[in-house]
Amino acid sequence: MAYCISDDCISCGACMPECPVAAISSGDSKYIIDDNICIECGVCASVCPVGAPQPK
């Protein structure tokens, strides 16, 4: 399953440059993951300081 970013996101941007397929972008109040691009690698979750990226 693709990852999604929960409301715990603090918009720090740590995840975006780490995504190997550029599936993460800045949303209105938090970052978002395009589930059509996400390869479920979990790198975003491993670098997030608040654990916002979670498997759907």
C-alpha atoms as a PDB file:
ATOM      1  CA  MET A   1       0.000   0.000   0.000  1.00  0.00           C
ATOM      2  CA  ALA A   2       1.148   3.522  -0.725  1.00  0.00           C
ATOM      3  CA  TYR A   3       2.043   5.826   2.120  1.00  0.00           C
ATOM      4  CA  CYS A   4      -0.010   8.854   3.130  1.00  0.00           C
ATOM      5  CA  ILE A   5       0.879  11.723   5.428  1.00  0.00           C
ATOM      6  CA  SER A   6      -1.207  12.105   8.563  1.00  0.00           C
ATOM      7  CA  ASP A   7      -2.362  15.337  10.181  1.00  0.00           C
ATOM      8  CA  ASP A   8       0.654  15.008  12.515  1.00  0.00           C
ATOM      9  CA  CYS A   9       2.748  16.548   9.702  1.00  0.00           C
ATOM     10  CA  ILE A  10       4.569  19.705  10.827  1.00  0.00           C
ATOM     11  CA  SER A  11       5.539  20.702   7.255  1.00  0.00           C
ATOM     12  CA  CYS A  12       9.254  20.523   7.995  1.00  0.00           C
ATOM     13  CA  GLY A  13      10.046  19.191   4.516  1.00  0.00           C
ATOM     14  CA  ALA A  14      12.436  16.460   5.663  1.00  0.00           C
ATOM     15  CA  CYS A  15      10.641  13.808   3.625  1.00  0.00           C
ATOM     16  CA  MET A  16      10.376  15.481   0.235  1.00  0.00           C
ATOM     17  CA  PRO A  17      14.051  15.442  -0.863  1.00  0.00           C
ATOM     18  CA  GLU A  18      14.454  11.857   0.383  1.00  0.00           C
ATOM     19  CA  CYS A  19      11.684  10.364  -1.794  1.00  0.00           C
ATOM     20  CA  PRO A  20      13.404   8.412  -4.602  1.00  0.00           C
ATOM     21  CA  VAL A  21      10.452   8.831  -6.995  1.00  0.00           C
ATOM     22  CA  ALA A  22       9.434  12.436  -6.157  1.00  0.00           C
ATOM     23  CA  ALA A  23       5.981  11.378  -4.943  1.00  0.00           C
ATOM     24  CA  ILE A  24       5.871  13.997  -2.168  1.00  0.00           C
ATOM     25  CA  SER A  25       4.782  17.589  -2.641  1.00  0.00           C
ATOM     26  CA  SER A  26       3.803  20.500  -0.458  1.00  0.00           C
ATOM     27  CA  GLY A  27       0.088  20.772   0.235  1.00  0.00           C
ATOM     28  CA  ASP A  28      -1.937  23.541   1.851  1.00  0.00           C
ATOM     29  CA  SER A  29      -1.422  22.513   5.472  1.00  0.00           C
ATOM     30  CA  LYS A  30       0.834  19.460   5.189  1.00  0.00           C
ATOM     31  CA  TYR A  31       2.893  17.515   2.677  1.00  0.00           C
ATOM     32  CA  ILE A  32       1.083  15.017   0.463  1.00  0.00           C
ATOM     33  CA  ILE A  33       2.095  11.769  -1.223  1.00  0.00           C
ATOM     34  CA  ASP A  34       0.828  10.879  -4.690  1.00  0.00           C
ATOM     35  CA  ASP A  35      -0.261   7.282  -4.255  1.00  0.00           C
ATOM     36  CA  ASN A  36       0.025   6.693  -8.001  1.00  0.00           C
ATOM     37  CA  ILE A  37       3.769   7.369  -7.796  1.00  0.00           C
ATOM     38  CA  CYS A  38       4.644   6.049  -4.306  1.00  0.00           C
ATOM     39  CA  ILE A  39       6.645   2.811  -4.409  1.00  0.00           C
ATOM     40  CA  GLU A  40       6.077   2.052  -0.718  1.00  0.00           C
ATOM     41  CA  CYS A  41       9.767   2.164   0.174  1.00  0.00           C
ATOM     42  CA  GLY A  42       9.212   3.834   3.565  1.00  0.00           C
ATOM     43  CA  VAL A  43      12.127   6.258   3.295  1.00  0.00           C
ATOM     44  CA  CYS A  44       9.804   9.183   4.060  1.00  0.00           C
ATOM     45  CA  ALA A  45       8.662   7.531   7.281  1.00  0.00           C
ATOM     46  CA  SER A  46      12.238   6.838   8.347  1.00  0.00           C
ATOM     47  CA  VAL A  47      13.297  10.509   8.114  1.00  0.00           C
ATOM     48  CA  CYS A  48      10.129  12.142   9.485  1.00  0.00           C
ATOM     49  CA  PRO A  49      10.667  13.572  12.990  1.00  0.00           C
ATOM     50  CA  VAL A  50       6.994  13.088  13.952  1.00  0.00           C
ATOM     51  CA  GLY A  51       6.171   9.845  12.114  1.00  0.00           C
ATOM     52  CA  ALA A  52       3.557  11.446   9.856  1.00  0.00           C
ATOM     53  CA  PRO A  53       4.017   9.209   6.778  1.00  0.00           C
ATOM     54  CA  GLN A  54       2.108   5.986   7.347  1.00  0.00           C
ATOM     55  CA  PRO A  55       1.067   3.075   5.118  1.00  0.00           C
ATOM     56  CA  LYS A  56      -2.512   3.510   3.962  1.00  0.00           C
END
